[in-house]
Amino acid sequence: MIKFITQADLLLYFYQEASSEITKTIEENLASHPQWQSYLDSLKSISADCDQFEFSPNSTTCSIILEKSRSYLEHSI
């Protein structure tokens, strides 16, 4: 029986973060599921487009985010 593969599974597979079971299922059945390949191709295209962006967050923005995260971490302990 083939496990039902979701878009989340395919996304994890694309970023090489899927479990070995999911990875094996996708690789063994990719040829018979063109919609999976189409979704993976879309992810590849989007990823390539995003790699062309040349921007980085402002250092002040990063500091605020890190400070807020630290605050949540300290209060959750």
N, C-alpha and C. Protein backbone atom coordinates (compact mmCIF):
# COMPACT_ATOMS: atom_id res chain seq x y z
N MET A 1 0.84 -1.18 0.00
CA MET A 1 0.00 0.00 0.00
C MET A 1 0.89 1.25 0.00
N ILE A 2 0.60 2.18 -0.90
CA ILE A 2 1.37 3.41 -1.01
C ILE A 2 0.82 4.44 -0.04
N LYS A 3 1.71 5.05 0.72
CA LYS A 3 1.30 6.11 1.64
C LYS A 3 0.83 7.31 0.83
N PHE A 4 -0.22 7.95 1.29
CA PHE A 4 -0.72 9.17 0.64
C PHE A 4 0.32 10.27 0.82
N ILE A 5 0.81 10.82 -0.28
CA ILE A 5 1.83 11.87 -0.24
C ILE A 5 1.16 13.23 -0.38
N THR A 6 1.47 14.13 0.54
CA THR A 6 0.90 15.47 0.54
C THR A 6 1.91 16.47 -0.04
N GLN A 7 1.41 17.69 -0.27
CA GLN A 7 2.33 18.74 -0.72
C GLN A 7 3.37 19.03 0.35
N ALA A 8 3.00 18.90 1.61
CA ALA A 8 3.96 19.11 2.69
C ALA A 8 5.08 18.06 2.61
N ASP A 9 4.72 16.82 2.29
CA ASP A 9 5.73 15.76 2.12
C ASP A 9 6.66 16.10 0.97
N LEU A 10 6.08 16.58 -0.13
CA LEU A 10 6.90 16.95 -1.29
C LEU A 10 7.80 18.14 -0.98
N LEU A 11 7.30 19.07 -0.20
CA LEU A 11 8.11 20.22 0.20
C LEU A 11 9.29 19.78 1.07
N LEU A 12 9.02 18.89 2.01
CA LEU A 12 10.10 18.35 2.84
C LEU A 12 11.10 17.58 1.99
N TYR A 13 10.60 16.83 1.03
CA TYR A 13 11.46 16.07 0.11
C TYR A 13 12.35 17.04 -0.68
N PHE A 14 11.75 18.11 -1.19
CA PHE A 14 12.49 19.09 -1.97
C PHE A 14 13.66 19.67 -1.17
N TYR A 15 13.42 19.94 0.10
CA TYR A 15 14.47 20.52 0.95
C TYR A 15 15.29 19.44 1.67
N GLN A 16 15.11 18.20 1.25
CA GLN A 16 15.85 17.05 1.79
C GLN A 16 15.68 16.92 3.29
N GLU A 17 14.44 17.15 3.75
CA GLU A 17 14.14 17.03 5.17
C GLU A 17 13.06 15.98 5.43
N ALA A 18 12.66 15.25 4.40
CA ALA A 18 11.64 14.22 4.56
C ALA A 18 12.25 12.98 5.22
N SER A 19 11.40 12.22 5.87
CA SER A 19 11.86 10.97 6.48
C SER A 19 12.32 10.02 5.38
N SER A 20 13.08 9.02 5.76
CA SER A 20 13.56 8.05 4.77
C SER A 20 12.40 7.29 4.14
N GLU A 21 11.35 7.05 4.90
CA GLU A 21 10.17 6.35 4.36
C GLU A 21 9.49 7.19 3.28
N ILE A 22 9.29 8.47 3.56
CA ILE A 22 8.65 9.37 2.60
C ILE A 22 9.54 9.52 1.37
N THR A 23 10.82 9.73 1.57
CA THR A 23 11.77 9.88 0.46
C THR A 23 11.73 8.65 -0.44
N LYS A 24 11.76 7.48 0.15
CA LYS A 24 11.72 6.24 -0.62
C LYS A 24 10.42 6.13 -1.41
N THR A 25 9.30 6.44 -0.78
CA THR A 25 8.00 6.36 -1.45
C THR A 25 7.94 7.32 -2.63
N ILE A 26 8.41 8.56 -2.42
CA ILE A 26 8.39 9.54 -3.51
C ILE A 26 9.29 9.08 -4.66
N GLU A 27 10.49 8.68 -4.35
CA GLU A 27 11.43 8.29 -5.40
C GLU A 27 10.96 7.06 -6.17
N GLU A 28 10.33 6.12 -5.49
CA GLU A 28 9.84 4.91 -6.15
C GLU A 28 8.61 5.17 -7.00
N ASN A 29 7.86 6.22 -6.72
CA ASN A 29 6.59 6.46 -7.40
C ASN A 29 6.53 7.76 -8.18
N LEU A 30 7.62 8.49 -8.25
CA LEU A 30 7.63 9.80 -8.91
C LEU A 30 7.27 9.69 -10.40
N ALA A 31 7.77 8.67 -11.06
CA ALA A 31 7.50 8.51 -12.50
C ALA A 31 6.02 8.29 -12.79
N SER A 32 5.30 7.69 -11.87
CA SER A 32 3.88 7.41 -12.11
C SER A 32 2.96 8.51 -11.55
N HIS A 33 3.54 9.58 -11.02
CA HIS A 33 2.77 10.70 -10.49
C HIS A 33 3.30 12.01 -11.05
N PRO A 34 2.91 12.34 -12.28
CA PRO A 34 3.44 13.57 -12.91
C PRO A 34 3.09 14.84 -12.13
N GLN A 35 2.00 14.82 -11.36
CA GLN A 35 1.65 16.01 -10.58
C GLN A 35 2.69 16.25 -9.47
N TRP A 36 3.29 15.19 -8.97
CA TRP A 36 4.36 15.37 -7.98
C TRP A 36 5.55 16.07 -8.64
N GLN A 37 5.93 15.57 -9.82
CA GLN A 37 7.06 16.16 -10.53
C GLN A 37 6.77 17.61 -10.89
N SER A 38 5.55 17.90 -11.28
CA SER A 38 5.17 19.27 -11.62
C SER A 38 5.32 20.18 -10.39
N TYR A 39 4.88 19.70 -9.24
CA TYR A 39 5.01 20.48 -8.01
C TYR A 39 6.48 20.70 -7.65
N LEU A 40 7.29 19.66 -7.78
CA LEU A 40 8.72 19.78 -7.48
C LEU A 40 9.40 20.74 -8.46
N ASP A 41 8.97 20.71 -9.73
CA ASP A 41 9.52 21.64 -10.72
C ASP A 41 9.15 23.09 -10.37
N SER A 42 7.92 23.28 -9.89
CA SER A 42 7.48 24.62 -9.47
C SER A 42 8.33 25.11 -8.30
N LEU A 43 8.57 24.23 -7.34
CA LEU A 43 9.40 24.61 -6.20
C LEU A 43 10.82 24.98 -6.64
N LYS A 44 11.34 24.22 -7.59
CA LYS A 44 12.69 24.50 -8.10
C LYS A 44 12.74 25.86 -8.78
N SER A 45 11.71 26.16 -9.56
CA SER A 45 11.64 27.45 -10.26
C SER A 45 11.53 28.60 -9.26
N ILE A 46 10.67 28.45 -8.28
CA ILE A 46 10.49 29.49 -7.25
C ILE A 46 11.79 29.70 -6.48
N SER A 47 12.43 28.60 -6.14
CA SER A 47 13.69 28.67 -5.39
C SER A 47 14.76 29.40 -6.20
N ALA A 48 14.83 29.09 -7.48
CA ALA A 48 15.81 29.75 -8.36
C ALA A 48 15.51 31.24 -8.47
N ASP A 49 14.23 31.59 -8.59
CA ASP A 49 13.85 33.00 -8.66
C ASP A 49 14.23 33.74 -7.38
N CYS A 50 14.00 33.11 -6.25
CA CYS A 50 14.31 33.74 -4.96
C CYS A 50 15.81 33.91 -4.76
N ASP A 51 16.59 32.99 -5.32
CA ASP A 51 18.04 33.09 -5.19
C ASP A 51 18.61 34.31 -5.90
N GLN A 52 17.83 34.87 -6.83
CA GLN A 52 18.30 36.04 -7.58
C GLN A 52 18.10 37.34 -6.81
N PHE A 53 17.30 37.31 -5.75
CA PHE A 53 17.09 38.51 -4.97
C PHE A 53 18.38 38.88 -4.26
N GLU A 54 18.70 40.14 -4.29
CA GLU A 54 19.91 40.59 -3.62
C GLU A 54 19.53 41.61 -2.55
N PHE A 55 19.04 41.10 -1.46
CA PHE A 55 18.69 41.98 -0.36
C PHE A 55 18.98 41.25 0.95
N SER A 56 19.11 42.01 1.97
CA SER A 56 19.27 41.45 3.30
C SER A 56 18.54 42.36 4.28
N PRO A 57 18.09 41.80 5.37
CA PRO A 57 17.35 42.64 6.32
C PRO A 57 18.26 43.67 6.98
N ASN A 58 17.67 44.75 7.37
CA ASN A 58 18.37 45.80 8.08
C ASN A 58 18.89 45.24 9.40
N SER A 59 20.06 45.64 9.82
CA SER A 59 20.65 45.12 11.06
C SER A 59 19.78 45.45 12.27
N THR A 60 19.11 46.60 12.25
CA THR A 60 18.21 46.96 13.35
C THR A 60 17.04 45.98 13.42
N THR A 61 16.50 45.61 12.27
CA THR A 61 15.41 44.64 12.22
C THR A 61 15.86 43.31 12.81
N CYS A 62 17.04 42.86 12.43
CA CYS A 62 17.57 41.60 12.96
C CYS A 62 17.74 41.68 14.47
N SER A 63 18.24 42.79 14.95
CA SER A 63 18.43 42.96 16.40
C SER A 63 17.11 42.90 17.15
N ILE A 64 16.08 43.54 16.60
CA ILE A 64 14.76 43.54 17.24
C ILE A 64 14.20 42.12 17.29
N ILE A 65 14.32 41.39 16.19
CA ILE A 65 13.81 40.02 16.14
C ILE A 65 14.55 39.13 17.13
N LEU A 66 15.87 39.25 17.16
CA LEU A 66 16.66 38.44 18.09
C LEU A 66 16.34 38.78 19.55
N GLU A 67 16.18 40.06 19.83
CA GLU A 67 15.84 40.50 21.18
C GLU A 67 14.48 39.95 21.61
N LYS A 68 13.51 40.01 20.71
CA LYS A 68 12.17 39.50 21.00
C LYS A 68 12.22 37.99 21.21
N SER A 69 12.96 37.29 20.39
CA SER A 69 13.09 35.84 20.53
C SER A 69 13.74 35.48 21.86
N ARG A 70 14.77 36.22 22.21
CA ARG A 70 15.46 35.98 23.47
C ARG A 70 14.50 36.21 24.64
N SER A 71 13.69 37.23 24.54
CA SER A 71 12.72 37.54 25.58
C SER A 71 11.73 36.39 25.75
N TYR A 72 11.22 35.86 24.63
CA TYR A 72 10.29 34.72 24.71
C TYR A 72 10.97 33.51 25.31
N LEU A 73 12.21 33.27 24.93
CA LEU A 73 12.95 32.12 25.43
C LEU A 73 13.16 32.23 26.93
N GLU A 74 13.57 33.40 27.40
CA GLU A 74 13.82 33.60 28.82
C GLU A 74 12.54 33.47 29.65
N HIS A 75 11.42 33.88 29.10
CA HIS A 75 10.17 33.83 29.84
C HIS A 75 9.52 32.46 29.79
N SER A 76 9.96 31.60 28.87
CA SER A 76 9.37 30.28 28.75
C SER A 76 10.10 29.25 29.60
N ILE A 77 11.23 29.61 30.14
CA ILE A 77 12.02 28.67 30.96
C ILE A 77 11.53 28.65 32.37
